[in-house]
Every structure is written in C-alpha cells, then in structure tokens.
Amino acid sequence: MKKNKLLFFTIFYYFFLNNNISAQKIFSSEYSSDLDLKVFVVDYESQADLNVFKVDYLSQAKGNAGLWYFVEYKSQSDKKIFFVDYKSQSDLKIFFVKYKSQAGWRNKNKMHLLY
C-alpha cells in the first residue's frame, strides 16, 4: 500500500510540474485588449530577446525555451499575445528561427514574461 501511494504521488507531482511549465501554448489575438504580452517580430536574430520555433504538435513544446505551439482558442492558451507594429510598443522582441535547435532566450532578463 505504501509503495502504491508513493508511486501515485510521484506520478502526480511529475504530471503537475510538467503541465505547469512544460508547454508554451500561445494564442495570437487580433485585438490588443485582454492579453498577457505585446510581441514584436524583429528582422535579425541579434535584435531578439527570444528565438522562437513554431512546433507542429503540443507535445513538442517543452519548457520556457522558445518552442511555441499556437492554439486556436484563447481558453487553450498559457499566454495570450498581440503582435505590435513597432518595437517600442512591445514587451518582448522575438525572431522566428528555421530550426528547433536555434530556439532559446537571448535576453534571460525577460524569461519571467512567459512563466
């Protein structure tokens, strides 16, 4: 009985932690109200706070490492973002990369924005 209880709590703890920080489910809003973050897409990687790779499946989005899965509905998202037209309006500057291995933070001072 003790083993089963320990196993249950271990699995629950692992599942709980992974669900809280494992995915970056992003909803891109057309409106600037009711959002978490204003994002600007820069032209060059060196200008970005975060290099983002768009993944095809939710299971591929791990941690706060720039692996974003775009969801269709606001209620499914971890973060609601709005793409702004000017860098000065943004909370976060991103650059979309071609390869998953290129994703990651360039400015770690902004990491808290996606927790």
N, C-alpha and C. Protein backbone atom coordinates (compact mmCIF):
# COMPACT_ATOMS: atom_id res chain seq x y z
N MET A 1 0.82 -1.20 0.00
CA MET A 1 0.00 0.00 0.00
C MET A 1 0.87 1.26 0.00
N LYS A 2 1.93 1.27 0.80
CA LYS A 2 2.82 2.42 0.86
C LYS A 2 3.51 2.68 -0.48
N LYS A 3 3.90 1.60 -1.17
CA LYS A 3 4.55 1.72 -2.47
C LYS A 3 3.61 2.35 -3.48
N ASN A 4 2.35 1.90 -3.49
CA ASN A 4 1.37 2.43 -4.43
C ASN A 4 1.11 3.91 -4.18
N LYS A 5 1.04 4.29 -2.91
CA LYS A 5 0.81 5.68 -2.55
C LYS A 5 1.98 6.55 -3.01
N LEU A 6 3.19 6.06 -2.76
CA LEU A 6 4.39 6.79 -3.17
C LEU A 6 4.45 6.92 -4.69
N LEU A 7 4.15 5.85 -5.39
CA LEU A 7 4.13 5.87 -6.85
C LEU A 7 3.10 6.88 -7.37
N PHE A 8 1.91 6.86 -6.76
CA PHE A 8 0.86 7.79 -7.16
C PHE A 8 1.31 9.24 -7.00
N PHE A 9 1.88 9.58 -5.84
CA PHE A 9 2.32 10.96 -5.60
C PHE A 9 3.48 11.34 -6.50
N THR A 10 4.36 10.41 -6.80
CA THR A 10 5.47 10.69 -7.70
C THR A 10 4.95 11.02 -9.09
N ILE A 11 4.03 10.20 -9.58
CA ILE A 11 3.45 10.44 -10.90
C ILE A 11 2.66 11.74 -10.91
N PHE A 12 1.86 11.98 -9.87
CA PHE A 12 1.07 13.20 -9.78
C PHE A 12 1.98 14.44 -9.78
N TYR A 13 3.03 14.40 -8.97
CA TYR A 13 3.97 15.51 -8.87
C TYR A 13 4.62 15.78 -10.22
N TYR A 14 5.09 14.75 -10.90
CA TYR A 14 5.72 14.88 -12.21
C TYR A 14 4.73 15.47 -13.21
N PHE A 15 3.51 14.95 -13.23
CA PHE A 15 2.47 15.42 -14.15
C PHE A 15 2.12 16.87 -13.86
N PHE A 16 1.98 17.21 -12.58
CA PHE A 16 1.64 18.57 -12.17
C PHE A 16 2.71 19.56 -12.60
N LEU A 17 3.97 19.23 -12.36
CA LEU A 17 5.06 20.11 -12.75
C LEU A 17 5.13 20.28 -14.25
N ASN A 18 5.02 19.22 -14.99
CA ASN A 18 5.11 19.29 -16.44
C ASN A 18 3.97 20.09 -17.04
N ASN A 19 2.78 19.96 -16.49
CA ASN A 19 1.66 20.71 -17.03
C ASN A 19 1.75 22.19 -16.71
N ASN A 20 2.43 22.55 -15.66
CA ASN A 20 2.54 23.95 -15.31
C ASN A 20 3.62 24.68 -16.10
N ILE A 21 4.69 23.99 -16.44
CA ILE A 21 5.78 24.70 -17.11
C ILE A 21 6.24 24.01 -18.39
N SER A 22 5.57 22.98 -18.84
CA SER A 22 6.12 22.23 -19.95
C SER A 22 5.75 22.78 -21.32
N ALA A 23 4.67 23.50 -21.44
CA ALA A 23 4.25 23.90 -22.77
C ALA A 23 4.10 25.41 -22.86
N GLN A 24 4.42 25.91 -24.02
CA GLN A 24 4.17 27.31 -24.32
C GLN A 24 3.04 27.33 -25.35
N LYS A 25 1.82 27.24 -24.84
CA LYS A 25 0.65 27.29 -25.70
C LYS A 25 0.28 28.76 -25.88
N ILE A 26 0.38 29.22 -27.11
CA ILE A 26 0.25 30.64 -27.41
C ILE A 26 -1.02 30.89 -28.23
N PHE A 27 -1.75 31.91 -27.82
CA PHE A 27 -2.90 32.37 -28.60
C PHE A 27 -2.56 33.76 -29.13
N SER A 28 -2.62 33.90 -30.43
CA SER A 28 -2.34 35.19 -31.06
C SER A 28 -3.65 35.92 -31.29
N SER A 29 -3.83 37.01 -30.56
CA SER A 29 -5.07 37.78 -30.61
C SER A 29 -5.02 38.83 -31.71
N GLU A 30 -6.18 39.13 -32.26
CA GLU A 30 -6.29 40.20 -33.25
C GLU A 30 -6.53 41.55 -32.58
N TYR A 31 -6.78 41.51 -31.28
CA TYR A 31 -7.11 42.72 -30.53
C TYR A 31 -6.11 42.93 -29.40
N SER A 32 -5.84 44.18 -29.11
CA SER A 32 -4.83 44.49 -28.09
C SER A 32 -5.37 44.45 -26.66
N SER A 33 -6.64 44.20 -26.49
CA SER A 33 -7.19 44.10 -25.14
C SER A 33 -7.15 42.65 -24.65
N ASP A 34 -7.18 42.47 -23.34
CA ASP A 34 -7.19 41.13 -22.72
C ASP A 34 -6.03 40.26 -23.21
N LEU A 35 -4.83 40.75 -23.03
CA LEU A 35 -3.67 39.97 -23.45
C LEU A 35 -2.65 39.95 -22.34
N ASP A 36 -1.69 39.04 -22.48
CA ASP A 36 -0.62 38.92 -21.49
C ASP A 36 0.65 39.65 -21.94
N LEU A 37 0.83 39.73 -23.25
CA LEU A 37 2.12 40.17 -23.76
C LEU A 37 1.98 40.83 -25.13
N LYS A 38 2.71 41.92 -25.32
CA LYS A 38 2.80 42.56 -26.64
C LYS A 38 4.14 42.13 -27.25
N VAL A 39 4.08 41.60 -28.46
CA VAL A 39 5.26 40.99 -29.09
C VAL A 39 5.56 41.70 -30.42
N PHE A 40 6.84 41.90 -30.65
CA PHE A 40 7.29 42.47 -31.92
C PHE A 40 8.25 41.48 -32.56
N VAL A 41 8.07 41.22 -33.85
CA VAL A 41 8.95 40.32 -34.59
C VAL A 41 10.05 41.15 -35.24
N VAL A 42 11.29 40.89 -34.85
CA VAL A 42 12.44 41.63 -35.37
C VAL A 42 12.95 40.99 -36.66
N ASP A 43 13.72 41.77 -37.39
CA ASP A 43 14.26 41.30 -38.67
C ASP A 43 15.52 40.45 -38.53
N TYR A 44 16.24 40.67 -37.43
CA TYR A 44 17.52 39.99 -37.24
C TYR A 44 17.56 39.30 -35.88
N GLU A 45 18.15 38.14 -35.85
CA GLU A 45 18.27 37.35 -34.63
C GLU A 45 18.95 38.12 -33.50
N SER A 46 19.94 38.92 -33.85
CA SER A 46 20.69 39.67 -32.84
C SER A 46 19.85 40.72 -32.12
N GLN A 47 18.70 41.09 -32.67
CA GLN A 47 17.82 42.09 -32.06
C GLN A 47 16.80 41.47 -31.11
N ALA A 48 16.70 40.17 -31.08
CA ALA A 48 15.64 39.47 -30.36
C ALA A 48 15.97 39.22 -28.90
N ASP A 49 14.89 39.19 -28.10
CA ASP A 49 15.00 38.72 -26.72
C ASP A 49 14.88 37.20 -26.69
N LEU A 50 14.10 36.68 -27.63
CA LEU A 50 13.80 35.24 -27.68
C LEU A 50 13.75 34.76 -29.12
N ASN A 51 14.45 33.67 -29.39
CA ASN A 51 14.33 32.99 -30.68
C ASN A 51 13.21 31.97 -30.55
N VAL A 52 12.22 32.04 -31.44
CA VAL A 52 11.04 31.19 -31.36
C VAL A 52 11.00 30.23 -32.53
N PHE A 53 10.68 28.97 -32.21
CA PHE A 53 10.43 27.96 -33.23
C PHE A 53 8.99 27.49 -33.06
N LYS A 54 8.22 27.56 -34.14
CA LYS A 54 6.82 27.12 -34.10
C LYS A 54 6.79 25.60 -34.28
N VAL A 55 6.28 24.90 -33.27
CA VAL A 55 6.20 23.44 -33.34
C VAL A 55 4.84 23.03 -33.89
N ASP A 56 4.78 21.84 -34.45
CA ASP A 56 3.55 21.34 -35.06
C ASP A 56 2.61 20.66 -34.07
N TYR A 57 3.20 20.18 -32.97
CA TYR A 57 2.41 19.42 -32.00
C TYR A 57 2.67 19.95 -30.59
N LEU A 58 1.63 19.96 -29.78
CA LEU A 58 1.74 20.44 -28.41
C LEU A 58 2.82 19.68 -27.64
N SER A 59 2.93 18.41 -27.87
CA SER A 59 3.91 17.59 -27.15
C SER A 59 5.35 18.01 -27.43
N GLN A 60 5.57 18.77 -28.50
CA GLN A 60 6.92 19.22 -28.85
C GLN A 60 7.31 20.51 -28.13
N ALA A 61 6.35 21.17 -27.54
CA ALA A 61 6.62 22.44 -26.86
C ALA A 61 7.03 22.13 -25.42
N LYS A 62 8.29 22.29 -25.13
CA LYS A 62 8.83 21.94 -23.81
C LYS A 62 9.43 23.15 -23.14
N GLY A 63 9.06 23.37 -21.89
CA GLY A 63 9.66 24.40 -21.07
C GLY A 63 9.51 25.81 -21.62
N ASN A 64 10.20 26.70 -21.02
CA ASN A 64 10.19 28.10 -21.42
C ASN A 64 11.43 28.34 -22.29
N ALA A 65 11.45 27.68 -23.45
CA ALA A 65 12.65 27.70 -24.28
C ALA A 65 12.40 28.17 -25.70
N GLY A 66 11.28 28.84 -25.92
CA GLY A 66 11.02 29.37 -27.26
C GLY A 66 10.39 28.39 -28.22
N LEU A 67 9.88 27.29 -27.71
CA LEU A 67 9.17 26.32 -28.55
C LEU A 67 7.68 26.59 -28.37
N TRP A 68 7.08 27.25 -29.35
CA TRP A 68 5.70 27.70 -29.23
C TRP A 68 4.76 26.86 -30.07
N TYR A 69 3.64 26.56 -29.45
CA TYR A 69 2.55 25.87 -30.14
C TYR A 69 1.37 26.85 -30.15
N PHE A 70 0.92 27.24 -31.33
CA PHE A 70 -0.17 28.20 -31.45
C PHE A 70 -1.50 27.46 -31.41
N VAL A 71 -2.35 27.87 -30.47
CA VAL A 71 -3.67 27.25 -30.30
C VAL A 71 -4.73 28.11 -30.97
N GLU A 72 -5.88 27.50 -31.25
CA GLU A 72 -6.96 28.19 -31.94
C GLU A 72 -7.83 29.03 -31.02
N TYR A 73 -7.91 28.64 -29.76
CA TYR A 73 -8.83 29.32 -28.84
C TYR A 73 -8.08 29.88 -27.63
N LYS A 74 -8.50 31.05 -27.21
CA LYS A 74 -7.87 31.74 -26.09
C LYS A 74 -7.87 30.88 -24.83
N SER A 75 -8.95 30.15 -24.61
CA SER A 75 -9.08 29.33 -23.40
C SER A 75 -8.06 28.18 -23.34
N GLN A 76 -7.47 27.82 -24.46
CA GLN A 76 -6.49 26.73 -24.51
C GLN A 76 -5.07 27.21 -24.21
N SER A 77 -4.89 28.51 -24.15
CA SER A 77 -3.52 29.05 -24.13
C SER A 77 -2.95 29.23 -22.73
N ASP A 78 -1.62 29.22 -22.69
CA ASP A 78 -0.89 29.61 -21.49
C ASP A 78 -0.69 31.12 -21.51
N LYS A 79 -0.47 31.66 -22.70
CA LYS A 79 -0.24 33.09 -22.88
C LYS A 79 -1.01 33.60 -24.08
N LYS A 80 -1.57 34.82 -23.90
CA LYS A 80 -2.27 35.50 -24.99
C LYS A 80 -1.37 36.65 -25.44
N ILE A 81 -1.04 36.65 -26.74
CA ILE A 81 -0.13 37.67 -27.23
C ILE A 81 -0.81 38.50 -28.32
N PHE A 82 -0.24 39.66 -28.53
CA PHE A 82 -0.68 40.56 -29.60
C PHE A 82 0.57 41.05 -30.30
N PHE A 83 0.61 40.90 -31.62
CA PHE A 83 1.76 41.36 -32.39
C PHE A 83 1.60 42.84 -32.68
N VAL A 84 2.55 43.64 -32.22
CA VAL A 84 2.51 45.09 -32.41
C VAL A 84 3.32 45.48 -33.64
N ASP A 85 3.07 46.69 -34.11
CA ASP A 85 3.72 47.18 -35.32
C ASP A 85 5.08 47.82 -35.07
N TYR A 86 5.31 48.24 -33.83
CA TYR A 86 6.55 48.96 -33.53
C TYR A 86 7.26 48.33 -32.34
N LYS A 87 8.58 48.28 -32.45
CA LYS A 87 9.41 47.70 -31.39
C LYS A 87 9.17 48.38 -30.05
N SER A 88 8.99 49.69 -30.07
CA SER A 88 8.82 50.46 -28.84
C SER A 88 7.53 50.12 -28.09
N GLN A 89 6.57 49.51 -28.77
CA GLN A 89 5.30 49.12 -28.15
C GLN A 89 5.37 47.75 -27.46
N SER A 90 6.44 47.03 -27.68
CA SER A 90 6.48 45.62 -27.28
C SER A 90 7.03 45.39 -25.88
N ASP A 91 6.57 44.27 -25.31
CA ASP A 91 7.14 43.76 -24.07
C ASP A 91 8.28 42.80 -24.38
N LEU A 92 8.17 42.14 -25.53
CA LEU A 92 9.10 41.08 -25.91
C LEU A 92 9.38 41.15 -27.40
N LYS A 93 10.66 41.06 -27.76
CA LYS A 93 11.06 41.03 -29.17
C LYS A 93 11.45 39.59 -29.51
N ILE A 94 10.84 39.06 -30.57
CA ILE A 94 11.14 37.68 -30.96
C ILE A 94 11.64 37.61 -32.40
N PHE A 95 12.31 36.51 -32.68
CA PHE A 95 12.77 36.20 -34.03
C PHE A 95 12.38 34.75 -34.30
N PHE A 96 11.68 34.50 -35.40
CA PHE A 96 11.30 33.14 -35.75
C PHE A 96 12.46 32.45 -36.45
N VAL A 97 12.89 31.32 -35.88
CA VAL A 97 14.02 30.57 -36.43
C VAL A 97 13.53 29.39 -37.26
N LYS A 98 14.41 28.88 -38.10
CA LYS A 98 14.06 27.78 -39.00
C LYS A 98 14.18 26.40 -38.36
N TYR A 99 15.04 26.30 -37.36
CA TYR A 99 15.31 25.00 -36.75
C TYR A 99 15.05 25.03 -35.25
N LYS A 100 14.54 23.93 -34.74
CA LYS A 100 14.21 23.79 -33.32
C LYS A 100 15.43 24.05 -32.43
N SER A 101 16.57 23.61 -32.87
CA SER A 101 17.79 23.75 -32.07
C SER A 101 18.23 25.20 -31.91
N GLN A 102 17.70 26.11 -32.72
CA GLN A 102 18.06 27.53 -32.64
C GLN A 102 17.21 28.30 -31.64
N ALA A 103 16.14 27.68 -31.17
CA ALA A 103 15.22 28.36 -30.24
C ALA A 103 15.88 28.56 -28.89
N GLY A 104 15.52 29.66 -28.24
CA GLY A 104 16.03 29.92 -26.90
C GLY A 104 16.13 31.39 -26.59
N TRP A 105 16.40 31.66 -25.33
CA TRP A 105 16.47 33.03 -24.84
C TRP A 105 17.81 33.66 -25.18
N ARG A 106 17.75 34.88 -25.66
CA ARG A 106 18.94 35.69 -25.89
C ARG A 106 19.07 36.73 -24.76
N ASN A 107 17.92 37.13 -24.20
CA ASN A 107 17.89 38.06 -23.08
C ASN A 107 17.15 37.39 -21.93
N LYS A 108 17.90 36.77 -21.05
CA LYS A 108 17.30 35.98 -19.96
C LYS A 108 16.56 36.85 -18.94
N ASN A 109 16.76 38.15 -18.97
CA ASN A 109 16.04 39.05 -18.06
C ASN A 109 14.54 39.12 -18.39
N LYS A 110 14.17 38.65 -19.57
CA LYS A 110 12.76 38.69 -19.99
C LYS A 110 12.05 37.35 -19.82
N MET A 111 12.77 36.34 -19.33
CA MET A 111 12.18 34.99 -19.20
C MET A 111 10.92 34.98 -18.37
N HIS A 112 10.85 35.82 -17.36
CA HIS A 112 9.69 35.84 -16.47
C HIS A 112 8.40 36.16 -17.21
N LEU A 113 8.48 36.78 -18.36
CA LEU A 113 7.27 37.15 -19.11
C LEU A 113 6.47 35.94 -19.58
N LEU A 114 7.12 34.80 -19.73
CA LEU A 114 6.44 33.62 -20.24
C LEU A 114 6.24 32.54 -19.20
N TYR A 115 6.38 32.86 -17.93
CA TYR A 115 6.07 31.90 -16.87
C TYR A 115 4.67 32.08 -16.41
